[in-house]
Amino acid sequence: MNVAAPQSSFLRWVYRFYMLAFLVYLAAPLFAAGMFAFNDSMFPALPWNGFTLDWFFSSTEPKIGMFHDRRLLRGLQNSLIIGVAVSALAVAAGTCNAFLFERKQFPGKNIFYIMMIVPLVIPGVILGISILVFASMIANGLEETFGIEWDFLRPGIFLVILGQFSFLTTITSLVIGARLRKFDIALEEAALNLGATRLRVLMTVTLPYLMPALFSAFVVAFLVSFENFNTTLMLVGSDAPLTITMYDRMVKVGSTPVLNAVSFFLMVGSGLLALLSVVVQRGGNEEA
């Protein structure tokens, strides 16, 4: 299509209507979830009974706000622990993978690259069940054969981190690899010619260039980890993260405005993190 060619006013209005409808389709559910977080009602539904912050800050029944709900706060704490841990591990492994696939040539490279991508296309439920069965098989074998009890291979935070690590590493590898692919290797060669060691070149030349991608990869991994449900549900134990806690509350009690308050809190937090990632990435591109 020649975009420079004149278009009829009808096609322009169709295009504008489509874009507006698409944006409304994306934003309407989020707006509704956020709106009911401030409704002075016991149920997240119309009519609008007035503005309130009780679903965030109230400490008395029947409106226990999210910041006074111990179970929700414990779930938030578990999500933060899991998210930071798995994101740090995924960024470290993703950096190694980026150097491996972008800088090295070895037999079966394409096959290993495909194997690295595979976790992204495997359904989360299947991935979680597979990891759970494998870990339980190892734990049961050690207990029956040697009498050793490795409880960290039972459902719990460690197994959740292991399960999320299996696919988050793919994401971080792709993000960091894309940045490394644009790096001018002549800069490293110049530093080596001036007498710098390979470690010094890595720490003072290459990693500073990769820092925006490392930060963006960490943010993306953290956000995906925080909202992950399918894989986490298969591997979680008594220390449930926030998504599982919200799901359990929904099943047992039903939808309440406090869940809308949590959703609004997560939307704002995710939006700020994503915006910060874009700013850092743009700053890195301008410096490059």
Protein backbone atom coordinates (compact mmCIF):
# COMPACT_ATOMS: atom_id res chain seq x y z
CA MET A 1 0.00 0.00 0.00
CA ASN A 2 1.25 3.46 -0.90
CA VAL A 3 0.83 5.42 2.33
CA ALA A 4 1.59 8.68 0.50
CA ALA A 5 -1.40 8.26 -1.80
CA PRO A 6 -4.51 10.31 -0.94
CA GLN A 7 -7.21 8.43 0.97
CA SER A 8 -10.91 9.03 1.11
CA SER A 9 -12.43 10.61 4.18
CA PHE A 10 -14.51 7.45 4.70
CA LEU A 11 -11.38 5.27 5.05
CA ARG A 12 -9.81 7.78 7.44
CA TRP A 13 -12.90 7.71 9.65
CA VAL A 14 -12.99 3.89 9.54
CA TYR A 15 -9.36 3.80 10.61
CA ARG A 16 -9.97 6.26 13.44
CA PHE A 17 -13.01 4.34 14.64
CA TYR A 18 -11.08 1.08 14.60
CA MET A 19 -8.21 2.55 16.63
CA LEU A 20 -10.62 4.08 19.14
CA ALA A 21 -12.58 0.83 19.50
CA PHE A 22 -9.37 -1.15 19.92
CA LEU A 23 -8.07 1.16 22.66
CA VAL A 24 -11.42 1.12 24.45
CA TYR A 25 -11.45 -2.67 24.26
CA LEU A 26 -8.04 -2.78 25.93
CA ALA A 27 -8.64 -0.09 28.53
CA ALA A 28 -12.27 -0.67 29.55
CA PRO A 29 -11.69 -3.76 31.78
CA LEU A 30 -8.74 -2.07 33.48
CA PHE A 31 -10.71 1.11 34.04
CA ALA A 32 -13.64 -0.82 35.51
CA ALA A 33 -11.38 -2.80 37.86
CA GLY A 34 -9.70 0.38 39.04
CA MET A 35 -12.95 2.32 39.41
CA PHE A 36 -14.59 -0.21 41.73
CA ALA A 37 -11.54 -0.10 44.00
CA PHE A 38 -12.77 3.35 45.10
CA ASN A 39 -16.49 2.57 45.30
CA ASP A 40 -18.02 2.81 48.78
CA SER A 41 -19.82 -0.50 48.42
CA MET A 42 -19.41 -4.05 49.68
CA PHE A 43 -19.55 -5.38 46.14
CA PRO A 44 -17.59 -4.40 43.00
CA ALA A 45 -20.67 -3.41 41.04
CA LEU A 46 -22.90 -0.48 40.24
CA PRO A 47 -24.49 1.71 41.49
CA TRP A 48 -21.74 4.12 42.50
CA ASN A 49 -22.15 4.80 46.23
CA GLY A 50 -19.42 7.39 46.66
CA PHE A 51 -15.64 7.69 46.71
CA THR A 52 -13.66 5.90 49.42
CA LEU A 53 -10.11 4.75 50.19
CA ASP A 54 -11.28 2.14 52.69
CA TRP A 55 -10.41 -0.75 50.39
CA PHE A 56 -6.79 0.39 50.57
CA PHE A 57 -6.32 1.71 54.12
CA SER A 58 -9.24 0.67 56.36
CA SER A 59 -8.29 -1.50 59.35
CA THR A 60 -11.77 -2.27 60.65
CA GLU A 61 -14.44 -4.73 59.62
CA PRO A 62 -16.22 -5.13 57.32
CA LYS A 63 -13.89 -3.12 55.08
CA ILE A 64 -10.39 -4.46 55.64
CA GLY A 65 -8.14 -2.62 53.21
CA MET A 66 -5.38 -4.36 51.26
CA PHE A 67 -2.66 -2.74 53.38
CA HIS A 68 -4.19 -4.27 56.52
CA ASP A 69 -5.05 -7.68 55.08
CA ARG A 70 -2.34 -9.96 56.44
CA ARG A 71 -2.91 -12.72 53.93
CA LEU A 72 -2.71 -10.38 50.95
CA LEU A 73 0.39 -8.68 52.36
CA ARG A 74 2.03 -12.05 52.92
CA GLY A 75 1.22 -13.00 49.33
CA LEU A 76 2.69 -9.68 48.14
CA GLN A 77 5.85 -10.34 50.14
CA ASN A 78 6.19 -13.83 48.66
CA SER A 79 5.68 -12.44 45.15
CA LEU A 80 8.40 -9.84 45.72
CA ILE A 81 10.84 -12.45 47.03
CA ILE A 82 10.15 -14.80 44.13
CA GLY A 83 10.20 -12.00 41.54
CA VAL A 84 13.51 -10.48 42.65
CA ALA A 85 15.23 -13.86 43.06
CA VAL A 86 14.13 -15.37 39.76
CA SER A 87 14.72 -12.14 37.84
CA ALA A 88 18.29 -11.84 39.13
CA LEU A 89 19.00 -15.47 38.23
CA ALA A 90 17.36 -15.11 34.82
CA VAL A 91 19.37 -11.97 33.99
CA ALA A 92 22.63 -13.68 35.01
CA ALA A 93 21.85 -16.78 32.94
CA GLY A 94 20.45 -14.67 30.08
CA THR A 95 23.68 -12.66 29.91
CA CYS A 96 25.72 -15.85 29.63
CA ASN A 97 23.36 -17.18 26.96
CA ALA A 98 23.57 -13.92 25.00
CA PHE A 99 27.38 -14.12 24.85
CA LEU A 100 27.22 -17.82 24.02
CA PHE A 101 24.84 -17.51 21.08
CA GLU A 102 26.03 -14.14 19.77
CA ARG A 103 29.80 -14.57 20.10
CA LYS A 104 30.52 -18.30 19.84
CA GLN A 105 30.28 -20.88 17.10
CA PHE A 106 29.87 -24.51 18.15
CA PRO A 107 28.28 -27.72 16.82
CA GLY A 108 24.52 -27.87 17.26
CA LYS A 109 24.21 -24.15 17.96
CA ASN A 110 20.89 -23.81 16.14
CA ILE A 111 19.45 -26.84 17.92
CA PHE A 112 20.42 -25.48 21.33
CA TYR A 113 18.97 -22.08 20.40
CA ILE A 114 15.66 -23.71 19.52
CA MET A 115 15.75 -25.64 22.81
CA MET A 116 16.21 -22.33 24.62
CA ILE A 117 13.11 -20.91 22.89
CA VAL A 118 10.91 -23.98 23.52
CA PRO A 119 9.80 -23.04 27.10
CA LEU A 120 8.01 -19.99 25.68
CA VAL A 121 5.66 -22.15 23.58
CA ILE A 122 5.01 -24.87 26.18
CA PRO A 123 1.77 -24.24 28.12
CA GLY A 124 2.51 -23.09 31.66
CA VAL A 125 0.42 -25.84 33.23
CA ILE A 126 2.37 -28.56 31.41
CA LEU A 127 5.66 -26.91 32.29
CA GLY A 128 4.68 -26.69 35.96
CA ILE A 129 3.46 -30.29 36.14
CA SER A 130 6.63 -31.55 34.45
CA ILE A 131 8.90 -29.73 36.89
CA LEU A 132 6.79 -30.87 39.84
CA VAL A 133 6.90 -34.54 38.78
CA PHE A 134 10.64 -34.40 38.08
CA ALA A 135 11.49 -32.70 41.39
CA SER A 136 9.21 -35.04 43.37
CA MET A 137 10.80 -38.06 41.67
CA ILE A 138 14.27 -36.90 42.75
CA ALA A 139 13.13 -36.09 46.29
CA ASN A 140 11.32 -39.43 46.70
CA GLY A 141 14.29 -41.35 45.30
CA LEU A 142 16.73 -39.70 47.70
CA GLU A 143 14.43 -40.28 50.65
CA GLU A 144 13.81 -43.96 49.85
CA THR A 145 17.41 -44.81 48.92
CA PHE A 146 19.53 -42.71 51.28
CA GLY A 147 17.04 -41.43 53.83
CA ILE A 148 17.81 -37.85 52.77
CA GLU A 149 14.96 -35.36 52.85
CA TRP A 150 15.32 -32.47 50.42
CA ASP A 151 12.23 -30.47 51.30
CA PHE A 152 13.19 -27.70 48.86
CA LEU A 153 12.23 -30.09 46.05
CA ARG A 154 8.69 -30.20 47.42
CA PRO A 155 6.10 -27.58 46.40
CA GLY A 156 7.18 -24.22 47.74
CA ILE A 157 9.01 -20.99 46.93
CA PHE A 158 12.18 -22.70 45.69
CA LEU A 159 10.25 -24.85 43.23
CA VAL A 160 8.28 -21.80 42.04
CA ILE A 161 11.56 -19.96 41.39
CA LEU A 162 12.90 -23.00 39.54
CA GLY A 163 9.75 -23.26 37.42
CA GLN A 164 9.65 -19.58 36.49
CA PHE A 165 13.39 -19.56 35.83
CA SER A 166 12.89 -22.16 33.11
CA PHE A 167 11.03 -19.72 30.82
CA LEU A 168 12.13 -16.32 32.12
CA THR A 169 15.71 -17.12 31.14
CA THR A 170 14.53 -17.36 27.54
CA ILE A 171 13.04 -13.86 27.71
CA THR A 172 16.12 -12.29 29.29
CA SER A 173 18.40 -14.07 26.80
CA LEU A 174 16.48 -12.60 23.86
CA VAL A 175 16.41 -9.07 25.32
CA ILE A 176 20.11 -9.00 26.22
CA GLY A 177 21.14 -10.79 23.02
CA ALA A 178 19.37 -8.17 20.90
CA ARG A 179 21.39 -5.43 22.58
CA LEU A 180 24.67 -7.35 22.38
CA ARG A 181 24.14 -7.93 18.65
CA LYS A 182 24.41 -4.16 18.07
CA PHE A 183 27.63 -3.80 20.04
CA ASP A 184 30.73 -2.75 18.08
CA ILE A 185 33.30 -5.39 18.99
CA ALA A 186 36.06 -3.02 17.80
CA LEU A 187 35.68 -1.21 21.14
CA GLU A 188 36.69 -4.37 22.99
CA GLU A 189 39.59 -4.94 20.60
CA ALA A 190 40.82 -1.39 21.16
CA ALA A 191 40.73 -1.84 24.94
CA LEU A 192 42.62 -5.13 24.65
CA ASN A 193 45.25 -3.52 22.45
CA LEU A 194 45.75 -0.86 25.12
CA GLY A 195 46.62 -3.57 27.65
CA ALA A 196 43.32 -4.16 29.44
CA THR A 197 42.50 -7.68 30.58
CA ARG A 198 39.42 -9.46 29.28
CA LEU A 199 37.75 -9.13 32.67
CA ARG A 200 38.44 -5.41 32.76
CA VAL A 201 37.12 -4.99 29.21
CA LEU A 202 33.96 -6.87 30.21
CA MET A 203 33.43 -4.76 33.34
CA THR A 204 34.30 -1.34 31.87
CA VAL A 205 33.27 -1.57 28.22
CA THR A 206 30.80 -4.35 27.43
CA LEU A 207 28.61 -4.52 30.55
CA PRO A 208 28.10 -0.73 30.76
CA TYR A 209 26.85 -0.87 27.16
CA LEU A 210 24.53 -3.75 28.07
CA MET A 211 23.27 -2.12 31.26
CA PRO A 212 20.01 -0.72 29.76
CA ALA A 213 19.20 -4.17 28.37
CA LEU A 214 20.10 -5.83 31.68
CA PHE A 215 17.77 -3.46 33.52
CA SER A 216 14.96 -3.90 30.99
CA ALA A 217 15.36 -7.68 31.08
CA PHE A 218 15.18 -7.62 34.89
CA VAL A 219 12.01 -5.50 34.83
CA VAL A 220 10.33 -7.68 32.21
CA ALA A 221 11.27 -10.85 34.09
CA PHE A 222 10.01 -9.38 37.36
CA LEU A 223 6.67 -8.34 35.89
CA VAL A 224 6.15 -11.70 34.18
CA SER A 225 7.08 -13.51 37.38
CA PHE A 226 4.77 -11.34 39.46
CA GLU A 227 1.71 -12.03 37.30
CA ASN A 228 2.48 -15.65 36.44
CA PHE A 229 -0.32 -18.01 37.44
CA ASN A 230 -0.36 -21.28 35.50
CA THR A 231 3.14 -22.53 36.25
CA THR A 232 3.11 -21.10 39.78
CA LEU A 233 -0.17 -22.83 40.65
CA MET A 234 1.36 -26.24 39.92
CA LEU A 235 4.43 -25.61 42.10
CA VAL A 236 3.19 -23.51 44.99
CA GLY A 237 3.13 -24.70 48.58
CA SER A 238 1.88 -23.01 51.75
CA ASP A 239 3.73 -19.76 50.95
CA ALA A 240 1.50 -18.64 48.12
CA PRO A 241 2.38 -15.55 46.03
CA LEU A 242 -0.14 -12.79 45.46
CA THR A 243 -1.74 -14.15 42.27
CA ILE A 244 -2.52 -17.49 43.93
CA THR A 245 -3.76 -15.72 47.08
CA MET A 246 -6.13 -13.59 45.02
CA TYR A 247 -7.38 -16.63 43.13
CA ASP A 248 -8.00 -18.50 46.38
CA ARG A 249 -9.87 -15.50 47.80
CA MET A 250 -11.98 -15.27 44.66
CA VAL A 251 -12.91 -18.97 44.80
CA LYS A 252 -13.76 -19.03 48.51
CA VAL A 253 -15.27 -15.60 49.10
CA GLY A 254 -16.08 -14.26 45.66
CA SER A 255 -15.14 -10.96 44.10
CA THR A 256 -14.73 -8.13 46.62
CA PRO A 257 -13.58 -4.52 46.17
CA VAL A 258 -10.35 -5.28 48.04
CA LEU A 259 -9.30 -7.44 45.08
CA ASN A 260 -10.02 -4.47 42.83
CA ALA A 261 -7.79 -2.39 45.09
CA VAL A 262 -4.99 -4.93 44.72
CA SER A 263 -5.51 -4.97 40.95
CA PHE A 264 -5.32 -1.17 40.80
CA PHE A 265 -2.16 -1.21 42.92
CA LEU A 266 -0.57 -3.77 40.58
CA MET A 267 -1.60 -1.85 37.46
CA VAL A 268 -0.01 1.36 38.73
CA GLY A 269 3.14 -0.42 39.91
CA SER A 270 3.53 -2.36 36.65
CA GLY A 271 2.95 0.78 34.59
CA LEU A 272 5.61 2.72 36.50
CA LEU A 273 8.14 -0.10 36.18
CA ALA A 274 7.45 -0.44 32.45
CA LEU A 275 7.78 3.34 32.00
CA LEU A 276 11.07 3.34 33.90
CA SER A 277 12.33 0.51 31.71
CA VAL A 278 11.47 2.45 28.55
CA VAL A 279 13.23 5.57 29.87
CA VAL A 280 16.38 3.62 30.75
CA GLN A 281 16.36 1.80 27.40
CA ARG A 282 15.91 5.06 25.49
CA GLY A 283 18.70 6.70 27.45
CA GLY A 284 21.00 3.79 26.64
CA ASN A 285 20.17 4.00 22.94
CA GLU A 286 20.92 7.73 22.88
CA GLU A 287 24.29 7.19 24.58
CA ALA A 288 25.12 4.42 22.11
